[in-house]
Amino acid sequence: MHSVLATLEECRDALTHSSDRETALLVSVAILELRMKLNRIADSDLKALCDAMLPDEAPAERSQQAKSPQAQRRRPLLKLVK
């Protein structure tokens, strides 16, 4: 599995250098998924880490930002589903 990971990282680098950003992002998602499996990290653990890294804001501020047009443009391209 580690060799597969190394190959995916090489592919991502090649895609990045050839300016194929969207495909490189897709490969990055595959790399993340494989790293999580190799390190036995659950989806819930990753979500908890992401939540902990968010700046401490009042819940009202977060919901207001989510409704702004700028926040709508920053939606993730992909959604992790299992």
PDB file of N, CA and C in Angstrom:
ATOM      1  N   MET A   1       0.816  -1.199   0.000  1.00  0.00           N
ATOM      2  CA  MET A   1       0.000   0.000   0.000  1.00  0.00           C
ATOM      3  C   MET A   1       0.859   1.262   0.000  1.00  0.00           C
ATOM      4  N   HIS A   2       2.023   1.170   0.630  1.00  0.00           N
ATOM      5  CA  HIS A   2       2.905   2.338   0.659  1.00  0.00           C
ATOM      6  C   HIS A   2       3.431   2.664  -0.736  1.00  0.00           C
ATOM      7  N   SER A   3       3.630   1.636  -1.554  1.00  0.00           N
ATOM      8  CA  SER A   3       4.086   1.897  -2.926  1.00  0.00           C
ATOM      9  C   SER A   3       2.970   2.529  -3.752  1.00  0.00           C
ATOM     10  N   VAL A   4       1.732   2.139  -3.482  1.00  0.00           N
ATOM     11  CA  VAL A   4       0.589   2.760  -4.163  1.00  0.00           C
ATOM     12  C   VAL A   4       0.505   4.229  -3.774  1.00  0.00           C
ATOM     13  N   LEU A   5       0.707   4.508  -2.500  1.00  0.00           N
ATOM     14  CA  LEU A   5       0.688   5.884  -2.013  1.00  0.00           C
ATOM     15  C   LEU A   5       1.770   6.717  -2.694  1.00  0.00           C
ATOM     16  N   ALA A   6       2.966   6.157  -2.797  1.00  0.00           N
ATOM     17  CA  ALA A   6       4.070   6.871  -3.453  1.00  0.00           C
ATOM     18  C   ALA A   6       3.749   7.142  -4.920  1.00  0.00           C
ATOM     19  N   THR A   7       3.140   6.173  -5.588  1.00  0.00           N
ATOM     20  CA  THR A   7       2.773   6.353  -6.995  1.00  0.00           C
ATOM     21  C   THR A   7       1.714   7.436  -7.146  1.00  0.00           C
ATOM     22  N   LEU A   8       0.724   7.426  -6.264  1.00  0.00           N
ATOM     23  CA  LEU A   8      -0.313   8.464  -6.313  1.00  0.00           C
ATOM     24  C   LEU A   8       0.285   9.850  -6.096  1.00  0.00           C
ATOM     25  N   GLU A   9       1.229   9.959  -5.177  1.00  0.00           N
ATOM     26  CA  GLU A   9       1.868  11.254  -4.929  1.00  0.00           C
ATOM     27  C   GLU A   9       2.665  11.716  -6.146  1.00  0.00           C
ATOM     28  N   GLU A  10       3.316  10.785  -6.838  1.00  0.00           N
ATOM     29  CA  GLU A  10       4.029  11.139  -8.069  1.00  0.00           C
ATOM     30  C   GLU A  10       3.051  11.610  -9.142  1.00  0.00           C
ATOM     31  N   CYS A  11       1.928  10.914  -9.252  1.00  0.00           N
ATOM     32  CA  CYS A  11       0.906  11.307 -10.234  1.00  0.00           C
ATOM     33  C   CYS A  11       0.363  12.697  -9.918  1.00  0.00           C
ATOM     34  N   ARG A  12       0.109  12.954  -8.643  1.00  0.00           N
ATOM     35  CA  ARG A  12      -0.393  14.272  -8.247  1.00  0.00           C
ATOM     36  C   ARG A  12       0.609  15.366  -8.597  1.00  0.00           C
ATOM     37  N   ASP A  13       1.887  15.108  -8.331  1.00  0.00           N
ATOM     38  CA  ASP A  13       2.928  16.089  -8.657  1.00  0.00           C
ATOM     39  C   ASP A  13       2.978  16.356 -10.157  1.00  0.00           C
ATOM     40  N   ALA A  14       2.892  15.297 -10.952  1.00  0.00           N
ATOM     41  CA  ALA A  14       2.917  15.457 -12.409  1.00  0.00           C
ATOM     42  C   ALA A  14       1.704  16.249 -12.885  1.00  0.00           C
ATOM     43  N   LEU A  15       0.547  15.972 -12.313  1.00  0.00           N
ATOM     44  CA  LEU A  15      -0.667  16.700 -12.691  1.00  0.00           C
ATOM     45  C   LEU A  15      -0.568  18.169 -12.299  1.00  0.00           C
ATOM     46  N   THR A  16       0.001  18.428 -11.142  1.00  0.00           N
ATOM     47  CA  THR A  16       0.169  19.809 -10.693  1.00  0.00           C
ATOM     48  C   THR A  16       1.104  20.564 -11.627  1.00  0.00           C
ATOM     49  N   HIS A  17       2.206  19.923 -12.002  1.00  0.00           N
ATOM     50  CA  HIS A  17       3.177  20.572 -12.897  1.00  0.00           C
ATOM     51  C   HIS A  17       2.617  20.779 -14.300  1.00  0.00           C
ATOM     52  N   SER A  18       1.653  19.951 -14.698  1.00  0.00           N
ATOM     53  CA  SER A  18       1.055  20.116 -16.023  1.00  0.00           C
ATOM     54  C   SER A  18      -0.197  20.995 -15.970  1.00  0.00           C
ATOM     55  N   SER A  19      -0.404  21.660 -14.838  1.00  0.00           N
ATOM     56  CA  SER A  19      -1.520  22.604 -14.642  1.00  0.00           C
ATOM     57  C   SER A  19      -2.889  21.940 -14.729  1.00  0.00           C
ATOM     58  N   ASP A  20      -2.974  20.683 -14.356  1.00  0.00           N
ATOM     59  CA  ASP A  20      -4.262  19.988 -14.312  1.00  0.00           C
ATOM     60  C   ASP A  20      -4.715  19.933 -12.854  1.00  0.00           C
ATOM     61  N   ARG A  21      -5.072  21.101 -12.341  1.00  0.00           N
ATOM     62  CA  ARG A  21      -5.347  21.276 -10.914  1.00  0.00           C
ATOM     63  C   ARG A  21      -6.526  20.436 -10.423  1.00  0.00           C
ATOM     64  N   GLU A  22      -7.608  20.396 -11.186  1.00  0.00           N
ATOM     65  CA  GLU A  22      -8.793  19.666 -10.730  1.00  0.00           C
ATOM     66  C   GLU A  22      -8.516  18.177 -10.582  1.00  0.00           C
ATOM     67  N   THR A  23      -7.812  17.600 -11.546  1.00  0.00           N
ATOM     68  CA  THR A  23      -7.481  16.182 -11.455  1.00  0.00           C
ATOM     69  C   THR A  23      -6.498  15.938 -10.315  1.00  0.00           C
ATOM     70  N   ALA A  24      -5.563  16.866 -10.108  1.00  0.00           N
ATOM     71  CA  ALA A  24      -4.622  16.748  -8.992  1.00  0.00           C
ATOM     72  C   ALA A  24      -5.372  16.759  -7.660  1.00  0.00           C
ATOM     73  N   LEU A  25      -6.427  17.562  -7.568  1.00  0.00           N
ATOM     74  CA  LEU A  25      -7.232  17.584  -6.346  1.00  0.00           C
ATOM     75  C   LEU A  25      -7.948  16.254  -6.126  1.00  0.00           C
ATOM     76  N   LEU A  26      -8.438  15.653  -7.199  1.00  0.00           N
ATOM     77  CA  LEU A  26      -9.086  14.341  -7.083  1.00  0.00           C
ATOM     78  C   LEU A  26      -8.094  13.289  -6.582  1.00  0.00           C
ATOM     79  N   VAL A  27      -6.881  13.315  -7.118  1.00  0.00           N
ATOM     80  CA  VAL A  27      -5.853  12.371  -6.675  1.00  0.00           C
ATOM     81  C   VAL A  27      -5.490  12.646  -5.215  1.00  0.00           C
ATOM     82  N   SER A  28      -5.499  13.913  -4.814  1.00  0.00           N
ATOM     83  CA  SER A  28      -5.219  14.263  -3.416  1.00  0.00           C
ATOM     84  C   SER A  28      -6.251  13.652  -2.475  1.00  0.00           C
ATOM     85  N   VAL A  29      -7.496  13.599  -2.912  1.00  0.00           N
ATOM     86  CA  VAL A  29      -8.542  12.977  -2.097  1.00  0.00           C
ATOM     87  C   VAL A  29      -8.260  11.483  -1.944  1.00  0.00           C
ATOM     88  N   ALA A  30      -7.839  10.842  -3.029  1.00  0.00           N
ATOM     89  CA  ALA A  30      -7.486   9.419  -2.957  1.00  0.00           C
ATOM     90  C   ALA A  30      -6.296   9.201  -2.021  1.00  0.00           C
ATOM     91  N   ILE A  31      -5.321  10.101  -2.072  1.00  0.00           N
ATOM     92  CA  ILE A  31      -4.151  10.015  -1.192  1.00  0.00           C
ATOM     93  C   ILE A  31      -4.582  10.150   0.267  1.00  0.00           C
ATOM     94  N   LEU A  32      -5.445  11.112   0.540  1.00  0.00           N
ATOM     95  CA  LEU A  32      -5.938  11.304   1.904  1.00  0.00           C
ATOM     96  C   LEU A  32      -6.655  10.053   2.395  1.00  0.00           C
ATOM     97  N   GLU A  33      -7.522   9.506   1.565  1.00  0.00           N
ATOM     98  CA  GLU A  33      -8.277   8.308   1.942  1.00  0.00           C
ATOM     99  C   GLU A  33      -7.335   7.140   2.246  1.00  0.00           C
ATOM    100  N   LEU A  34      -6.332   6.950   1.413  1.00  0.00           N
ATOM    101  CA  LEU A  34      -5.379   5.859   1.620  1.00  0.00           C
ATOM    102  C   LEU A  34      -4.547   6.079   2.887  1.00  0.00           C
ATOM    103  N   ARG A  35      -4.109   7.307   3.112  1.00  0.00           N
ATOM    104  CA  ARG A  35      -3.351   7.604   4.338  1.00  0.00           C
ATOM    105  C   ARG A  35      -4.195   7.353   5.582  1.00  0.00           C
ATOM    106  N   MET A  36      -5.465   7.708   5.506  1.00  0.00           N
ATOM    107  CA  MET A  36      -6.351   7.475   6.643  1.00  0.00           C
ATOM    108  C   MET A  36      -6.488   5.978   6.915  1.00  0.00           C
ATOM    109  N   LYS A  37      -6.612   5.175   5.858  1.00  0.00           N
ATOM    110  CA  LYS A  37      -6.707   3.721   6.040  1.00  0.00           C
ATOM    111  C   LYS A  37      -5.412   3.158   6.616  1.00  0.00           C
ATOM    112  N   LEU A  38      -4.282   3.588   6.076  1.00  0.00           N
ATOM    113  CA  LEU A  38      -2.991   3.077   6.545  1.00  0.00           C
ATOM    114  C   LEU A  38      -2.741   3.411   8.012  1.00  0.00           C
ATOM    115  N   ASN A  39      -3.198   4.584   8.432  1.00  0.00           N
ATOM    116  CA  ASN A  39      -2.970   5.036   9.807  1.00  0.00           C
ATOM    117  C   ASN A  39      -4.164   4.799  10.723  1.00  0.00           C
ATOM    118  N   ARG A  40      -5.166   4.099  10.192  1.00  0.00           N
ATOM    119  CA  ARG A  40      -6.375   3.756  10.952  1.00  0.00           C
ATOM    120  C   ARG A  40      -7.017   4.986  11.582  1.00  0.00           C
ATOM    121  N   ILE A  41      -7.234   5.991  10.754  1.00  0.00           N
ATOM    122  CA  ILE A  41      -7.880   7.225  11.196  1.00  0.00           C
ATOM    123  C   ILE A  41      -9.317   7.209  10.684  1.00  0.00           C
ATOM    124  N   ALA A  42     -10.253   7.336  11.584  1.00  0.00           N
ATOM    125  CA  ALA A  42     -11.668   7.322  11.217  1.00  0.00           C
ATOM    126  C   ALA A  42     -12.084   8.678  10.648  1.00  0.00           C
ATOM    127  N   ASP A  43     -13.139   8.647   9.839  1.00  0.00           N
ATOM    128  CA  ASP A  43     -13.678   9.891   9.286  1.00  0.00           C
ATOM    129  C   ASP A  43     -14.045  10.866  10.404  1.00  0.00           C
ATOM    130  N   SER A  44     -14.594  10.327  11.484  1.00  0.00           N
ATOM    131  CA  SER A  44     -14.996  11.184  12.604  1.00  0.00           C
ATOM    132  C   SER A  44     -13.786  11.862  13.254  1.00  0.00           C
ATOM    133  N   ASP A  45     -12.645  11.171  13.282  1.00  0.00           N
ATOM    134  CA  ASP A  45     -11.429  11.782  13.833  1.00  0.00           C
ATOM    135  C   ASP A  45     -10.947  12.929  12.955  1.00  0.00           C
ATOM    136  N   LEU A  46     -11.010  12.746  11.643  1.00  0.00           N
ATOM    137  CA  LEU A  46     -10.614  13.814  10.724  1.00  0.00           C
ATOM    138  C   LEU A  46     -11.542  15.013  10.875  1.00  0.00           C
ATOM    139  N   LYS A  47     -12.844  14.747  10.989  1.00  0.00           N
ATOM    140  CA  LYS A  47     -13.796  15.844  11.164  1.00  0.00           C
ATOM    141  C   LYS A  47     -13.535  16.581  12.475  1.00  0.00           C
ATOM    142  N   ALA A  48     -13.241  15.842  13.536  1.00  0.00           N
ATOM    143  CA  ALA A  48     -12.948  16.474  14.826  1.00  0.00           C
ATOM    144  C   ALA A  48     -11.708  17.355  14.725  1.00  0.00           C
ATOM    145  N   LEU A  49     -10.693  16.895  14.002  1.00  0.00           N
ATOM    146  CA  LEU A  49      -9.490  17.700  13.809  1.00  0.00           C
ATOM    147  C   LEU A  49      -9.815  18.977  13.044  1.00  0.00           C
ATOM    148  N   CYS A  50     -10.582  18.851  11.971  1.00  0.00           N
ATOM    149  CA  CYS A  50     -10.959  20.034  11.177  1.00  0.00           C
ATOM    150  C   CYS A  50     -11.757  21.021  12.021  1.00  0.00           C
ATOM    151  N   ASP A  51     -12.691  20.502  12.810  1.00  0.00           N
ATOM    152  CA  ASP A  51     -13.486  21.376  13.678  1.00  0.00           C
ATOM    153  C   ASP A  51     -12.606  22.078  14.706  1.00  0.00           C
ATOM    154  N   ALA A  52     -11.619  21.368  15.242  1.00  0.00           N
ATOM    155  CA  ALA A  52     -10.723  21.958  16.239  1.00  0.00           C
ATOM    156  C   ALA A  52      -9.835  23.035  15.627  1.00  0.00           C
ATOM    157  N   MET A  53      -9.565  22.933  14.344  1.00  0.00           N
ATOM    158  CA  MET A  53      -8.699  23.908  13.685  1.00  0.00           C
ATOM    159  C   MET A  53      -9.440  25.169  13.272  1.00  0.00           C
ATOM    160  N   LEU A  54     -10.777  25.130  13.266  1.00  0.00           N
ATOM    161  CA  LEU A  54     -11.553  26.317  12.926  1.00  0.00           C
ATOM    162  C   LEU A  54     -11.351  27.366  14.005  1.00  0.00           C
ATOM    163  N   PRO A  55     -11.301  28.638  13.612  1.00  0.00           N
ATOM    164  CA  PRO A  55     -11.167  29.684  14.632  1.00  0.00           C
ATOM    165  C   PRO A  55     -12.398  29.695  15.532  1.00  0.00           C
ATOM    166  N   ASP A  56     -12.169  30.037  16.785  1.00  0.00           N
ATOM    167  CA  ASP A  56     -13.280  30.108  17.730  1.00  0.00           C
ATOM    168  C   ASP A  56     -14.134  31.322  17.403  1.00  0.00           C
ATOM    169  N   GLU A  57     -15.326  31.055  16.912  1.00  0.00           N
ATOM    170  CA  GLU A  57     -16.283  32.107  16.575  1.00  0.00           C
ATOM    171  C   GLU A  57     -17.605  31.757  17.233  1.00  0.00           C
ATOM    172  N   ALA A  58     -18.400  32.756  17.416  1.00  0.00           N
ATOM    173  CA  ALA A  58     -19.736  32.515  17.938  1.00  0.00           C
ATOM    174  C   ALA A  58     -20.533  31.745  16.890  1.00  0.00           C
ATOM    175  N   PRO A  59     -21.425  30.850  17.323  1.00  0.00           N
ATOM    176  CA  PRO A  59     -22.219  30.090  16.353  1.00  0.00           C
ATOM    177  C   PRO A  59     -23.010  30.984  15.400  1.00  0.00           C
ATOM    178  N   ALA A  60     -23.481  32.139  15.879  1.00  0.00           N
ATOM    179  CA  ALA A  60     -24.236  33.051  15.017  1.00  0.00           C
ATOM    180  C   ALA A  60     -23.357  33.566  13.883  1.00  0.00           C
ATOM    181  N   GLU A  61     -22.082  33.843  14.183  1.00  0.00           N
ATOM    182  CA  GLU A  61     -21.163  34.326  13.147  1.00  0.00           C
ATOM    183  C   GLU A  61     -20.923  33.252  12.098  1.00  0.00           C
ATOM    184  N   ARG A  62     -20.792  32.001  12.529  1.00  0.00           N
ATOM    185  CA  ARG A  62     -20.569  30.899  11.584  1.00  0.00           C
ATOM    186  C   ARG A  62     -21.759  30.726  10.657  1.00  0.00           C
ATOM    187  N   SER A  63     -22.972  30.763  11.221  1.00  0.00           N
ATOM    188  CA  SER A  63     -24.150  30.573  10.382  1.00  0.00           C
ATOM    189  C   SER A  63     -24.334  31.751   9.438  1.00  0.00           C
ATOM    190  N   GLN A  64     -23.969  32.955   9.877  1.00  0.00           N
ATOM    191  CA  GLN A  64     -24.070  34.127   9.010  1.00  0.00           C
ATOM    192  C   GLN A  64     -23.077  34.022   7.861  1.00  0.00           C
ATOM    193  N   GLN A  65     -21.863  33.551   8.142  1.00  0.00           N
ATOM    194  CA  GLN A  65     -20.861  33.386   7.094  1.00  0.00           C
ATOM    195  C   GLN A  65     -21.293  32.322   6.098  1.00  0.00           C
ATOM    196  N   ALA A  66     -21.932  31.276   6.567  1.00  0.00           N
ATOM    197  CA  ALA A  66     -22.357  30.197   5.677  1.00  0.00           C
ATOM    198  C   ALA A  66     -23.419  30.678   4.695  1.00  0.00           C
ATOM    199  N   LYS A  67     -24.178  31.721   5.075  1.00  0.00           N
ATOM    200  CA  LYS A  67     -25.221  32.237   4.200  1.00  0.00           C
ATOM    201  C   LYS A  67     -24.713  33.299   3.235  1.00  0.00           C
ATOM    202  N   SER A  68     -23.512  33.783   3.440  1.00  0.00           N
ATOM    203  CA  SER A  68     -22.990  34.833   2.573  1.00  0.00           C
ATOM    204  C   SER A  68     -22.663  34.282   1.188  1.00  0.00           C
ATOM    205  N   PRO A  69     -22.753  35.120   0.141  1.00  0.00           N
ATOM    206  CA  PRO A  69     -22.430  34.656  -1.215  1.00  0.00           C
ATOM    207  C   PRO A  69     -20.992  34.170  -1.336  1.00  0.00           C
ATOM    208  N   GLN A  70     -20.079  34.787  -0.587  1.00  0.00           N
ATOM    209  CA  GLN A  70     -18.677  34.378  -0.653  1.00  0.00           C
ATOM    210  C   GLN A  70     -18.510  32.956  -0.109  1.00  0.00           C
ATOM    211  N   ALA A  71     -19.217  32.625   0.954  1.00  0.00           N
ATOM    212  CA  ALA A  71     -19.121  31.285   1.531  1.00  0.00           C
ATOM    213  C   ALA A  71     -19.682  30.243   0.571  1.00  0.00           C
ATOM    214  N   GLN A  72     -20.706  30.618  -0.194  1.00  0.00           N
ATOM    215  CA  GLN A  72     -21.284  29.676  -1.144  1.00  0.00           C
ATOM    216  C   GLN A  72     -20.297  29.345  -2.252  1.00  0.00           C
ATOM    217  N   ARG A  73     -19.437  30.274  -2.636  1.00  0.00           N
ATOM    218  CA  ARG A  73     -18.447  30.016  -3.678  1.00  0.00           C
ATOM    219  C   ARG A  73     -17.327  29.125  -3.179  1.00  0.00           C
ATOM    220  N   ARG A  74     -17.152  29.018  -1.876  1.00  0.00           N
ATOM    221  CA  ARG A  74     -16.056  28.234  -1.318  1.00  0.00           C
ATOM    222  C   ARG A  74     -16.491  26.831  -0.931  1.00  0.00           C
ATOM    223  N   ARG A  75     -17.619  26.375  -1.406  1.00  0.00           N
ATOM    224  CA  ARG A  75     -18.046  25.020  -1.094  1.00  0.00           C
ATOM    225  C   ARG A  75     -17.034  24.024  -1.642  1.00  0.00           C
ATOM    226  N   PRO A  76     -16.832  22.914  -0.948  1.00  0.00           N
ATOM    227  CA  PRO A  76     -15.870  21.926  -1.437  1.00  0.00           C
ATOM    228  C   PRO A  76     -16.327  21.323  -2.760  1.00  0.00           C
ATOM    229  N   LEU A  77     -15.359  20.992  -3.589  1.00  0.00           N
ATOM    230  CA  LEU A  77     -15.665  20.384  -4.873  1.00  0.00           C
ATOM    231  C   LEU A  77     -16.170  18.961  -4.708  1.00  0.00           C
ATOM    232  N   LEU A  78     -15.701  18.301  -3.664  1.00  0.00           N
ATOM    233  CA  LEU A  78     -16.050  16.907  -3.442  1.00  0.00           C
ATOM    234  C   LEU A  78     -16.582  16.718  -2.036  1.00  0.00           C
ATOM    235  N   LYS A  79     -17.409  15.717  -1.882  1.00  0.00           N
ATOM    236  CA  LYS A  79     -17.925  15.371  -0.574  1.00  0.00           C
ATOM    237  C   LYS A  79     -17.540  13.925  -0.311  1.00  0.00           C
ATOM    238  N   LEU A  80     -16.952  13.662   0.844  1.00  0.00           N
ATOM    239  CA  LEU A  80     -16.534  12.319   1.203  1.00  0.00           C
ATOM    240  C   LEU A  80     -17.760  11.532   1.623  1.00  0.00           C
ATOM    241  N   VAL A  81     -18.045  10.453   0.914  1.00  0.00           N
ATOM    242  CA  VAL A  81     -19.175   9.591   1.243  1.00  0.00           C
ATOM    243  C   VAL A  81     -18.676   8.168   1.392  1.00  0.00           C
ATOM    244  N   LYS A  82     -19.323   7.435   2.213  1.00  0.00           N
ATOM    245  CA  LYS A  82     -18.951   6.024   2.439  1.00  0.00           C
ATOM    246  C   LYS A  82     -20.149   5.152   2.228  1.00  0.00           C
TER     247      LYS A  82
END
